Protein backbone atom coordinates (compact mmCIF):
# COMPACT_ATOMS: atom_id res chain seq x y z
CA MET A 1 3.29 7.15 -15.93
CA ILE A 2 1.33 4.06 -14.86
CA ARG A 3 -2.43 3.92 -15.39
CA VAL A 4 -4.50 2.12 -12.74
CA GLU A 5 -8.22 1.37 -13.06
CA LEU A 6 -10.11 1.03 -9.79
CA PRO A 7 -13.41 -0.67 -8.93
CA TYR A 8 -16.30 1.60 -8.04
CA HIS A 9 -16.10 1.20 -4.26
CA LEU A 10 -12.43 2.26 -4.26
CA GLN A 11 -13.20 5.18 -6.58
CA LEU A 12 -15.73 6.45 -4.03
CA LEU A 13 -13.32 6.01 -1.14
CA ALA A 14 -10.47 7.83 -2.93
CA ARG A 15 -12.83 10.38 -4.53
CA VAL A 16 -11.42 9.77 -8.01
CA GLY A 17 -12.69 8.59 -11.38
CA THR A 18 -12.29 5.18 -12.95
CA GLU A 19 -8.61 5.65 -13.73
CA VAL A 20 -5.71 7.23 -11.86
CA THR A 21 -2.16 7.82 -13.06
CA LEU A 22 0.88 7.23 -10.89
CA ASP A 23 4.60 7.76 -11.02
CA VAL A 24 6.36 4.58 -9.97
CA ALA A 25 10.00 4.67 -8.92
CA GLY A 26 12.24 1.72 -9.70
CA PRO A 27 11.13 -1.48 -11.39
CA VAL A 28 7.44 -1.58 -12.22
CA THR A 29 5.90 -4.49 -10.33
CA ALA A 30 2.47 -5.03 -8.81
CA CYS A 31 4.00 -4.24 -5.41
CA SER A 32 5.57 -0.96 -6.56
CA VAL A 33 2.30 0.09 -8.26
CA LEU A 34 0.30 -0.64 -5.11
CA ASP A 35 2.91 1.17 -2.97
CA ALA A 36 2.57 4.25 -5.20
CA LEU A 37 -1.25 3.99 -5.13
CA GLU A 38 -1.33 3.84 -1.32
CA ALA A 39 1.19 6.69 -1.03
CA ARG A 40 -0.87 8.96 -3.28
CA TYR A 41 -4.24 7.87 -1.87
CA PRO A 42 -3.64 6.99 1.81
CA MET A 43 -7.33 6.29 2.33
CA LEU A 44 -6.82 3.15 0.22
CA CYS A 45 -4.21 1.68 2.60
CA GLY A 46 -5.45 -1.70 3.70
CA THR A 47 -8.26 -1.86 1.15
CA VAL A 48 -6.38 -3.56 -1.69
CA ARG A 49 -3.93 -5.54 0.42
CA ASP A 50 -3.50 -6.42 4.08
CA HIS A 51 -1.63 -3.86 6.22
CA VAL A 52 0.78 -6.39 7.69
CA THR A 53 1.23 -9.21 5.18
CA LYS A 54 0.80 -7.05 2.04
CA LYS A 55 -1.23 -9.90 0.50
CA ARG A 56 -4.09 -9.14 -1.87
CA ARG A 57 -7.47 -8.85 -0.17
CA PRO A 58 -10.08 -11.51 -0.94
CA PHE A 59 -12.52 -10.58 -3.71
CA LEU A 60 -10.04 -8.30 -5.47
CA ARG A 61 -8.22 -9.39 -8.61
CA PHE A 62 -5.39 -7.84 -10.63
CA PHE A 63 -5.42 -7.92 -14.43
CA VAL A 64 -2.49 -7.02 -16.66
CA CYS A 65 -2.83 -6.97 -20.45
CA CYS A 66 -6.04 -9.05 -20.32
CA LYS A 67 -4.43 -11.71 -18.08
CA ASP A 68 -5.24 -12.50 -14.48
CA TRP A 69 -2.15 -11.43 -12.53
CA SER A 70 -3.65 -12.05 -9.09
CA HIS A 71 -1.55 -15.10 -8.22
CA GLN A 72 1.73 -13.88 -9.70
CA PRO A 73 4.45 -12.97 -7.19
CA THR A 74 4.09 -9.24 -6.52
CA ASP A 75 7.76 -8.63 -7.34
CA THR A 76 7.38 -9.98 -10.90
CA PRO A 77 8.12 -7.18 -13.40
CA LEU A 78 5.00 -6.00 -15.24
CA PRO A 79 4.97 -6.00 -19.06
CA ASP A 80 6.27 -2.97 -20.97
CA ALA A 81 2.70 -2.08 -22.02
CA ILE A 82 1.93 -1.34 -18.36
CA SER A 83 5.14 0.55 -17.61
CA SER A 84 4.75 2.68 -20.74
CA GLY A 85 1.12 3.52 -19.90
CA ALA A 86 -0.23 1.91 -23.06
CA GLU A 87 -2.34 -0.51 -20.98
CA PRO A 88 -3.80 0.02 -17.50
CA PHE A 89 -3.17 -2.09 -14.40
CA LEU A 90 -6.67 -3.24 -13.45
CA ILE A 91 -7.89 -3.79 -9.90
CA VAL A 92 -11.21 -5.60 -10.24
CA GLY A 93 -13.78 -6.52 -7.62
CA ALA A 94 -14.52 -10.25 -7.80
CA LEU A 95 -17.79 -12.08 -7.05
CA SER A 96 -18.44 -15.47 -5.55
CA GLY A 97 -21.38 -17.78 -5.62
CA GLY A 98 -23.12 -19.61 -8.36
């Protein structure tokens, strides 16, 4: 069971709390987690990543075990702490400006 924490605007859209749990088939990667998230919550399709390219949307970041995972290839296996559910996969809204 994978734990995923969502930013507030995605919580409202999916009508869920801060954290959701997902079953992920196959190797646990950022791509497989996002596939499972979009399958369970279809209203989130296109909000985290582009419909066509499947690239992360601007102003969203992914954090895994306190490390920014946003620029890692999406097929990179996630650490065991994520796949075991000990740590959540974080989707965080980013800010710009100074």
